[in-house]
PDB file of N, CA and C in Angstrom:
ATOM      1  N   MET A   1      94.009   4.914  87.686  1.00  0.00           N
ATOM      2  CA  MET A   1      95.397   4.545  87.841  1.00  0.00           C
ATOM      3  C   MET A   1      95.466   3.061  88.212  1.00  0.00           C
ATOM      4  N   GLY A   2      96.647   2.551  88.245  1.00  0.00           N
ATOM      5  CA  GLY A   2      96.817   1.170  88.637  1.00  0.00           C
ATOM      6  C   GLY A   2      97.127   0.255  87.470  1.00  0.00           C
ATOM      7  N   PRO A   3      97.108  -1.053  87.728  1.00  0.00           N
ATOM      8  CA  PRO A   3      97.515  -2.035  86.722  1.00  0.00           C
ATOM      9  C   PRO A   3      96.646  -2.028  85.463  1.00  0.00           C
ATOM     10  N   ALA A   4      95.348  -1.794  85.614  1.00  0.00           N
ATOM     11  CA  ALA A   4      94.466  -1.806  84.436  1.00  0.00           C
ATOM     12  C   ALA A   4      94.815  -0.671  83.476  1.00  0.00           C
ATOM     13  N   VAL A   5      95.096   0.507  84.031  1.00  0.00           N
ATOM     14  CA  VAL A   5      95.465   1.651  83.185  1.00  0.00           C
ATOM     15  C   VAL A   5      96.825   1.429  82.545  1.00  0.00           C
ATOM     16  N   GLU A   6      97.756   0.906  83.310  1.00  0.00           N
ATOM     17  CA  GLU A   6      99.086   0.623  82.770  1.00  0.00           C
ATOM     18  C   GLU A   6      99.014  -0.379  81.618  1.00  0.00           C
ATOM     19  N   GLU A   7      98.176  -1.391  81.772  1.00  0.00           N
ATOM     20  CA  GLU A   7      98.007  -2.382  80.701  1.00  0.00           C
ATOM     21  C   GLU A   7      97.370  -1.730  79.475  1.00  0.00           C
ATOM     22  N   PHE A   8      96.349  -0.905  79.698  1.00  0.00           N
ATOM     23  CA  PHE A   8      95.719  -0.195  78.593  1.00  0.00           C
ATOM     24  C   PHE A   8      96.735   0.678  77.854  1.00  0.00           C
ATOM     25  N   GLU A   9      97.540   1.427  78.596  1.00  0.00           N
ATOM     26  CA  GLU A   9      98.539   2.303  77.979  1.00  0.00           C
ATOM     27  C   GLU A   9      99.536   1.491  77.149  1.00  0.00           C
ATOM     28  N   ARG A  10      99.996   0.377  77.686  1.00  0.00           N
ATOM     29  CA  ARG A  10     100.932  -0.488  76.961  1.00  0.00           C
ATOM     30  C   ARG A  10     100.297  -1.005  75.672  1.00  0.00           C
ATOM     31  N   ASN A  11      99.068  -1.521  75.781  1.00  0.00           N
ATOM     32  CA  ASN A  11      98.387  -2.074  74.613  1.00  0.00           C
ATOM     33  C   ASN A  11      98.074  -1.005  73.576  1.00  0.00           C
ATOM     34  N   PHE A  12      97.668   0.174  74.031  1.00  0.00           N
ATOM     35  CA  PHE A  12      97.338   1.257  73.105  1.00  0.00           C
ATOM     36  C   PHE A  12      98.594   1.750  72.390  1.00  0.00           C
ATOM     37  N   ALA A  13      99.700   1.865  73.117  1.00  0.00           N
ATOM     38  CA  ALA A  13     100.958   2.269  72.493  1.00  0.00           C
ATOM     39  C   ALA A  13     101.372   1.256  71.430  1.00  0.00           C
ATOM     40  N   GLN A  14     101.230  -0.003  71.740  1.00  0.00           N
ATOM     41  CA  GLN A  14     101.577  -1.053  70.778  1.00  0.00           C
ATOM     42  C   GLN A  14     100.680  -0.959  69.547  1.00  0.00           C
ATOM     43  N   LEU A  15      99.387  -0.758  69.753  1.00  0.00           N
ATOM     44  CA  LEU A  15      98.449  -0.631  68.644  1.00  0.00           C
ATOM     45  C   LEU A  15      98.811   0.546  67.742  1.00  0.00           C
ATOM     46  N   CYS A  16      99.257   1.643  68.344  1.00  0.00           N
ATOM     47  CA  CYS A  16      99.613   2.853  67.590  1.00  0.00           C
ATOM     48  C   CYS A  16     101.025   2.811  67.028  1.00  0.00           C
ATOM     49  N   GLY A  17     101.789   1.799  67.414  1.00  0.00           N
ATOM     50  CA  GLY A  17     103.156   1.679  66.925  1.00  0.00           C
ATOM     51  C   GLY A  17     104.103   2.708  67.525  1.00  0.00           C
ATOM     52  N   VAL A  18     103.834   3.091  68.767  1.00  0.00           N
ATOM     53  CA  VAL A  18     104.681   4.065  69.457  1.00  0.00           C
ATOM     54  C   VAL A  18     105.214   3.441  70.740  1.00  0.00           C
ATOM     55  N   LYS A  19     106.206   4.104  71.322  1.00  0.00           N
ATOM     56  CA  LYS A  19     106.830   3.556  72.522  1.00  0.00           C
ATOM     57  C   LYS A  19     105.970   3.733  73.764  1.00  0.00           C
ATOM     58  N   TYR A  20     105.271   4.879  73.861  1.00  0.00           N
ATOM     59  CA  TYR A  20     104.500   5.183  75.060  1.00  0.00           C
ATOM     60  C   TYR A  20     103.120   5.725  74.706  1.00  0.00           C
ATOM     61  N   ALA A  21     102.179   5.533  75.601  1.00  0.00           N
ATOM     62  CA  ALA A  21     100.855   6.162  75.546  1.00  0.00           C
ATOM     63  C   ALA A  21     100.480   6.506  76.984  1.00  0.00           C
ATOM     64  N   ILE A  22      99.784   7.608  77.148  1.00  0.00           N
ATOM     65  CA  ILE A  22      99.397   8.043  78.489  1.00  0.00           C
ATOM     66  C   ILE A  22      97.891   8.216  78.525  1.00  0.00           C
ATOM     67  N   GLY A  23      97.243   7.507  79.420  1.00  0.00           N
ATOM     68  CA  GLY A  23      95.812   7.653  79.611  1.00  0.00           C
ATOM     69  C   GLY A  23      95.517   8.895  80.440  1.00  0.00           C
ATOM     70  N   VAL A  24      94.479   9.611  80.073  1.00  0.00           N
ATOM     71  CA  VAL A  24      94.048  10.784  80.841  1.00  0.00           C
ATOM     72  C   VAL A  24      92.586  10.593  81.218  1.00  0.00           C
ATOM     73  N   SER A  25      92.085  11.465  82.077  1.00  0.00           N
ATOM     74  CA  SER A  25      90.750  11.257  82.627  1.00  0.00           C
ATOM     75  C   SER A  25      89.615  11.574  81.660  1.00  0.00           C
ATOM     76  N   ASN A  26      89.855  12.444  80.674  1.00  0.00           N
ATOM     77  CA  ASN A  26      88.774  12.804  79.756  1.00  0.00           C
ATOM     78  C   ASN A  26      89.327  13.457  78.495  1.00  0.00           C
ATOM     79  N   GLY A  27      88.450  13.702  77.547  1.00  0.00           N
ATOM     80  CA  GLY A  27      88.848  14.296  76.271  1.00  0.00           C
ATOM     81  C   GLY A  27      89.362  15.710  76.398  1.00  0.00           C
ATOM     82  N   THR A  28      88.811  16.483  77.336  1.00  0.00           N
ATOM     83  CA  THR A  28      89.271  17.857  77.534  1.00  0.00           C
ATOM     84  C   THR A  28      90.731  17.859  77.954  1.00  0.00           C
ATOM     85  N   ASP A  29      91.080  16.984  78.903  1.00  0.00           N
ATOM     86  CA  ASP A  29      92.479  16.880  79.317  1.00  0.00           C
ATOM     87  C   ASP A  29      93.362  16.449  78.153  1.00  0.00           C
ATOM     88  N   ALA A  30      92.875  15.535  77.325  1.00  0.00           N
ATOM     89  CA  ALA A  30      93.649  15.068  76.178  1.00  0.00           C
ATOM     90  C   ALA A  30      93.913  16.209  75.198  1.00  0.00           C
ATOM     91  N   ILE A  31      92.893  17.022  74.910  1.00  0.00           N
ATOM     92  CA  ILE A  31      93.072  18.161  74.002  1.00  0.00           C
ATOM     93  C   ILE A  31      94.039  19.163  74.609  1.00  0.00           C
ATOM     94  N   PHE A  32      93.856  19.482  75.890  1.00  0.00           N
ATOM     95  CA  PHE A  32      94.735  20.433  76.569  1.00  0.00           C
ATOM     96  C   PHE A  32      96.187  19.968  76.501  1.00  0.00           C
ATOM     97  N   LEU A  33      96.442  18.704  76.839  1.00  0.00           N
ATOM     98  CA  LEU A  33      97.808  18.194  76.826  1.00  0.00           C
ATOM     99  C   LEU A  33      98.397  18.184  75.424  1.00  0.00           C
ATOM    100  N   ALA A  34      97.589  17.829  74.432  1.00  0.00           N
ATOM    101  CA  ALA A  34      98.071  17.844  73.045  1.00  0.00           C
ATOM    102  C   ALA A  34      98.476  19.259  72.632  1.00  0.00           C
ATOM    103  N   LEU A  35      97.670  20.248  72.996  1.00  0.00           N
ATOM    104  CA  LEU A  35      98.003  21.637  72.675  1.00  0.00           C
ATOM    105  C   LEU A  35      99.287  22.064  73.380  1.00  0.00           C
ATOM    106  N   LYS A  36      99.440  21.705  74.658  1.00  0.00           N
ATOM    107  CA  LYS A  36     100.644  22.077  75.412  1.00  0.00           C
ATOM    108  C   LYS A  36     101.885  21.424  74.808  1.00  0.00           C
ATOM    109  N   VAL A  37     101.775  20.162  74.414  1.00  0.00           N
ATOM    110  CA  VAL A  37     102.915  19.468  73.801  1.00  0.00           C
ATOM    111  C   VAL A  37     103.328  20.168  72.507  1.00  0.00           C
ATOM    112  N   LEU A  38     102.361  20.737  71.808  1.00  0.00           N
ATOM    113  CA  LEU A  38     102.657  21.474  70.576  1.00  0.00           C
ATOM    114  C   LEU A  38     103.180  22.880  70.844  1.00  0.00           C
ATOM    115  N   GLY A  39     103.258  23.251  72.119  1.00  0.00           N
ATOM    116  CA  GLY A  39     103.771  24.572  72.461  1.00  0.00           C
ATOM    117  C   GLY A  39     102.740  25.679  72.356  1.00  0.00           C
ATOM    118  N   ILE A  40     101.469  25.321  72.309  1.00  0.00           N
ATOM    119  CA  ILE A  40     100.400  26.312  72.213  1.00  0.00           C
ATOM    120  C   ILE A  40     100.182  26.939  73.578  1.00  0.00           C
ATOM    121  N   GLY A  41     100.088  28.266  73.593  1.00  0.00           N
ATOM    122  CA  GLY A  41      99.879  28.976  74.846  1.00  0.00           C
ATOM    123  C   GLY A  41      99.539  30.427  74.592  1.00  0.00           C
ATOM    124  N   GLU A  42      99.818  31.256  75.576  1.00  0.00           N
ATOM    125  CA  GLU A  42      99.489  32.671  75.484  1.00  0.00           C
ATOM    126  C   GLU A  42     100.121  33.301  74.241  1.00  0.00           C
ATOM    127  N   GLY A  43      99.327  34.084  73.543  1.00  0.00           N
ATOM    128  CA  GLY A  43      99.792  34.737  72.329  1.00  0.00           C
ATOM    129  C   GLY A  43      99.517  33.938  71.074  1.00  0.00           C
ATOM    130  N   ASN A  44      99.087  32.683  71.223  1.00  0.00           N
ATOM    131  CA  ASN A  44      98.752  31.854  70.066  1.00  0.00           C
ATOM    132  C   ASN A  44      97.257  31.894  69.795  1.00  0.00           C
ATOM    133  N   GLU A  45      96.900  31.585  68.583  1.00  0.00           N
ATOM    134  CA  GLU A  45      95.503  31.402  68.203  1.00  0.00           C
ATOM    135  C   GLU A  45      95.357  29.994  67.647  1.00  0.00           C
ATOM    136  N   VAL A  46      94.238  29.361  67.941  1.00  0.00           N
ATOM    137  CA  VAL A  46      93.972  28.012  67.462  1.00  0.00           C
ATOM    138  C   VAL A  46      92.684  28.047  66.656  1.00  0.00           C
ATOM    139  N   ILE A  47      92.772  27.599  65.421  1.00  0.00           N
ATOM    140  CA  ILE A  47      91.616  27.598  64.529  1.00  0.00           C
ATOM    141  C   ILE A  47      90.809  26.330  64.750  1.00  0.00           C
ATOM    142  N   THR A  48      89.509  26.499  64.915  1.00  0.00           N
ATOM    143  CA  THR A  48      88.605  25.364  65.059  1.00  0.00           C
ATOM    144  C   THR A  48      87.243  25.752  64.480  1.00  0.00           C
ATOM    145  N   ALA A  49      86.373  24.796  64.371  1.00  0.00           N
ATOM    146  CA  ALA A  49      85.035  25.035  63.827  1.00  0.00           C
ATOM    147  C   ALA A  49      84.085  25.505  64.932  1.00  0.00           C
ATOM    148  N   PRO A  50      83.126  26.361  64.600  1.00  0.00           N
ATOM    149  CA  PRO A  50      82.202  26.850  65.616  1.00  0.00           C
ATOM    150  C   PRO A  50      81.239  25.780  66.129  1.00  0.00           C
ATOM    151  N   ASN A  51      81.085  24.691  65.404  1.00  0.00           N
ATOM    152  CA  ASN A  51      80.189  23.635  65.850  1.00  0.00           C
ATOM    153  C   ASN A  51      80.923  22.533  66.614  1.00  0.00           C
ATOM    154  N   THR A  52      82.135  22.831  67.056  1.00  0.00           N
ATOM    155  CA  THR A  52      82.892  21.866  67.845  1.00  0.00           C
ATOM    156  C   THR A  52      82.271  21.733  69.238  1.00  0.00           C
ATOM    157  N   PHE A  53      82.645  20.714  69.945  1.00  0.00           N
ATOM    158  CA  PHE A  53      82.182  20.531  71.319  1.00  0.00           C
ATOM    159  C   PHE A  53      82.804  21.614  72.189  1.00  0.00           C
ATOM    160  N   LEU A  54      82.081  22.074  73.175  1.00  0.00           N
ATOM    161  CA  LEU A  54      82.531  23.143  74.060  1.00  0.00           C
ATOM    162  C   LEU A  54      83.906  22.866  74.667  1.00  0.00           C
ATOM    163  N   ALA A  55      84.198  21.618  74.958  1.00  0.00           N
ATOM    164  CA  ALA A  55      85.474  21.276  75.590  1.00  0.00           C
ATOM    165  C   ALA A  55      86.661  21.636  74.709  1.00  0.00           C
ATOM    166  N   THR A  56      86.498  21.620  73.400  1.00  0.00           N
ATOM    167  CA  THR A  56      87.593  21.985  72.504  1.00  0.00           C
ATOM    168  C   THR A  56      88.004  23.428  72.747  1.00  0.00           C
ATOM    169  N   VAL A  57      87.020  24.322  72.733  1.00  0.00           N
ATOM    170  CA  VAL A  57      87.297  25.738  72.973  1.00  0.00           C
ATOM    171  C   VAL A  57      87.790  25.933  74.409  1.00  0.00           C
ATOM    172  N   GLY A  58      87.222  25.207  75.353  1.00  0.00           N
ATOM    173  CA  GLY A  58      87.659  25.303  76.743  1.00  0.00           C
ATOM    174  C   GLY A  58      89.121  24.937  76.908  1.00  0.00           C
ATOM    175  N   ALA A  59      89.571  23.890  76.243  1.00  0.00           N
ATOM    176  CA  ALA A  59      90.972  23.469  76.335  1.00  0.00           C
ATOM    177  C   ALA A  59      91.890  24.504  75.694  1.00  0.00           C
ATOM    178  N   ILE A  60      91.450  25.090  74.594  1.00  0.00           N
ATOM    179  CA  ILE A  60      92.238  26.144  73.943  1.00  0.00           C
ATOM    180  C   ILE A  60      92.415  27.321  74.892  1.00  0.00           C
ATOM    181  N   VAL A  61      91.329  27.768  75.486  1.00  0.00           N
ATOM    182  CA  VAL A  61      91.373  28.900  76.419  1.00  0.00           C
ATOM    183  C   VAL A  61      92.217  28.556  77.644  1.00  0.00           C
ATOM    184  N   GLN A  62      92.122  27.318  78.112  1.00  0.00           N
ATOM    185  CA  GLN A  62      92.884  26.898  79.290  1.00  0.00           C
ATOM    186  C   GLN A  62      94.389  27.010  79.063  1.00  0.00           C
ATOM    187  N   THR A  63      94.850  26.861  77.823  1.00  0.00           N
ATOM    188  CA  THR A  63      96.284  26.998  77.538  1.00  0.00           C
ATOM    189  C   THR A  63      96.722  28.457  77.528  1.00  0.00           C
ATOM    190  N   GLY A  64      95.763  29.367  77.464  1.00  0.00           N
ATOM    191  CA  GLY A  64      96.085  30.785  77.341  1.00  0.00           C
ATOM    192  C   GLY A  64      95.959  31.282  75.918  1.00  0.00           C
ATOM    193  N   ALA A  65      95.697  30.382  74.986  1.00  0.00           N
ATOM    194  CA  ALA A  65      95.545  30.753  73.580  1.00  0.00           C
ATOM    195  C   ALA A  65      94.119  31.254  73.322  1.00  0.00           C
ATOM    196  N   LEU A  66      93.915  31.811  72.147  1.00  0.00           N
ATOM    197  CA  LEU A  66      92.596  32.302  71.746  1.00  0.00           C
ATOM    198  C   LEU A  66      92.027  31.419  70.645  1.00  0.00           C
ATOM    199  N   PRO A  67      90.783  30.988  70.792  1.00  0.00           N
ATOM    200  CA  PRO A  67      90.168  30.213  69.713  1.00  0.00           C
ATOM    201  C   PRO A  67      89.778  31.128  68.555  1.00  0.00           C
ATOM    202  N   ARG A  68      90.012  30.679  67.335  1.00  0.00           N
ATOM    203  CA  ARG A  68      89.566  31.384  66.128  1.00  0.00           C
ATOM    204  C   ARG A  68      88.580  30.449  65.439  1.00  0.00           C
ATOM    205  N   LEU A  69      87.340  30.860  65.350  1.00  0.00           N
ATOM    206  CA  LEU A  69      86.306  30.013  64.773  1.00  0.00           C
ATOM    207  C   LEU A  69      86.189  30.278  63.273  1.00  0.00           C
ATOM    208  N   VAL A  70      86.268  29.211  62.509  1.00  0.00           N
ATOM    209  CA  VAL A  70      86.136  29.278  61.059  1.00  0.00           C
ATOM    210  C   VAL A  70      84.900  28.485  60.675  1.00  0.00           C
ATOM    211  N   ASP A  71      84.061  29.088  59.851  1.00  0.00           N
ATOM    212  CA  ASP A  71      82.776  28.484  59.504  1.00  0.00           C
ATOM    213  C   ASP A  71      82.954  27.118  58.845  1.00  0.00           C
ATOM    214  N   VAL A  72      81.881  26.365  58.822  1.00  0.00           N
ATOM    215  CA  VAL A  72      81.884  25.019  58.257  1.00  0.00           C
ATOM    216  C   VAL A  72      81.353  25.033  56.831  1.00  0.00           C
ATOM    217  N   ALA A  73      81.669  23.988  56.101  1.00  0.00           N
ATOM    218  CA  ALA A  73      81.159  23.798  54.741  1.00  0.00           C
ATOM    219  C   ALA A  73      79.834  23.027  54.816  1.00  0.00           C
ATOM    220  N   ASN A  74      79.304  22.678  53.682  1.00  0.00           N
ATOM    221  CA  ASN A  74      78.015  21.972  53.623  1.00  0.00           C
ATOM    222  C   ASN A  74      78.046  20.612  54.316  1.00  0.00           C
ATOM    223  N   ASP A  75      79.239  20.041  54.484  1.00  0.00           N
ATOM    224  CA  ASP A  75      79.349  18.740  55.160  1.00  0.00           C
ATOM    225  C   ASP A  75      79.513  18.882  56.677  1.00  0.00           C
ATOM    226  N   TYR A  76      79.429  20.121  57.180  1.00  0.00           N
ATOM    227  CA  TYR A  76      79.527  20.444  58.612  1.00  0.00           C
ATOM    228  C   TYR A  76      80.932  20.314  59.184  1.00  0.00           C
ATOM    229  N   ASN A  77      81.928  20.077  58.341  1.00  0.00           N
ATOM    230  CA  ASN A  77      83.328  20.107  58.759  1.00  0.00           C
ATOM    231  C   ASN A  77      83.879  21.495  58.478  1.00  0.00           C
ATOM    232  N   ILE A  78      84.961  21.869  59.154  1.00  0.00           N
ATOM    233  CA  ILE A  78      85.556  23.175  58.937  1.00  0.00           C
ATOM    234  C   ILE A  78      85.829  23.367  57.445  1.00  0.00           C
ATOM    235  N   ASP A  79      85.525  24.546  56.948  1.00  0.00           N
ATOM    236  CA  ASP A  79      85.668  24.839  55.517  1.00  0.00           C
ATOM    237  C   ASP A  79      87.140  25.123  55.221  1.00  0.00           C
ATOM    238  N   PRO A  80      87.839  24.207  54.541  1.00  0.00           N
ATOM    239  CA  PRO A  80      89.268  24.384  54.303  1.00  0.00           C
ATOM    240  C   PRO A  80      89.591  25.640  53.490  1.00  0.00           C
ATOM    241  N   GLU A  81      88.642  26.100  52.703  1.00  0.00           N
ATOM    242  CA  GLU A  81      88.873  27.299  51.895  1.00  0.00           C
ATOM    243  C   GLU A  81      88.857  28.576  52.729  1.00  0.00           C
ATOM    244  N   LYS A  82      88.377  28.497  53.962  1.00  0.00           N
ATOM    245  CA  LYS A  82      88.304  29.680  54.824  1.00  0.00           C
ATOM    246  C   LYS A  82      89.394  29.718  55.889  1.00  0.00           C
ATOM    247  N   ILE A  83      90.172  28.655  55.988  1.00  0.00           N
ATOM    248  CA  ILE A  83      91.198  28.577  57.036  1.00  0.00           C
ATOM    249  C   ILE A  83      92.298  29.608  56.818  1.00  0.00           C
ATOM    250  N   GLU A  84      92.804  29.703  55.620  1.00  0.00           N
ATOM    251  CA  GLU A  84      93.945  30.598  55.358  1.00  0.00           C
ATOM    252  C   GLU A  84      93.630  32.041  55.742  1.00  0.00           C
ATOM    253  N   ALA A  85      92.412  32.496  55.493  1.00  0.00           N
ATOM    254  CA  ALA A  85      92.031  33.864  55.838  1.00  0.00           C
ATOM    255  C   ALA A  85      92.013  34.086  57.348  1.00  0.00           C
ATOM    256  N   ALA A  86      91.918  33.024  58.133  1.00  0.00           N
ATOM    257  CA  ALA A  86      91.863  33.144  59.591  1.00  0.00           C
ATOM    258  C   ALA A  86      93.247  33.120  60.241  1.00  0.00           C
ATOM    259  N   ILE A  87      94.275  32.855  59.463  1.00  0.00           N
ATOM    260  CA  ILE A  87      95.631  32.767  60.019  1.00  0.00           C
ATOM    261  C   ILE A  87      96.203  34.162  60.179  1.00  0.00           C
ATOM    262  N   ASN A  88      96.668  34.469  61.393  1.00  0.00           N
ATOM    263  CA  ASN A  88      97.312  35.743  61.708  1.00  0.00           C
ATOM    264  C   ASN A  88      98.799  35.532  61.906  1.00  0.00           C
ATOM    265  N   GLU A  89      99.498  36.635  62.076  1.00  0.00           N
ATOM    266  CA  GLU A  89     100.934  36.577  62.359  1.00  0.00           C
ATOM    267  C   GLU A  89     101.175  35.772  63.611  1.00  0.00           C
TER     268      GLU A  89
END
């Protein structure tokens, strides 16, 4: 916190072309907050790749949602052809 963080937030917001940016302590907090802003919570499922960093799944669970793991393609990114089959009501 303090002037250095405030300056970083101002500069980052300007770089992104947005009015505001908020610095957080780590990537897990950033993922959690992004999910909450999107309204993700209990009763939701979030699709991600099984080779993601543990914090991704941790942030999903922290919101109350359930992670749905979809296998990766040969390039090690989530296989877009398998996403639709993982979508539930």
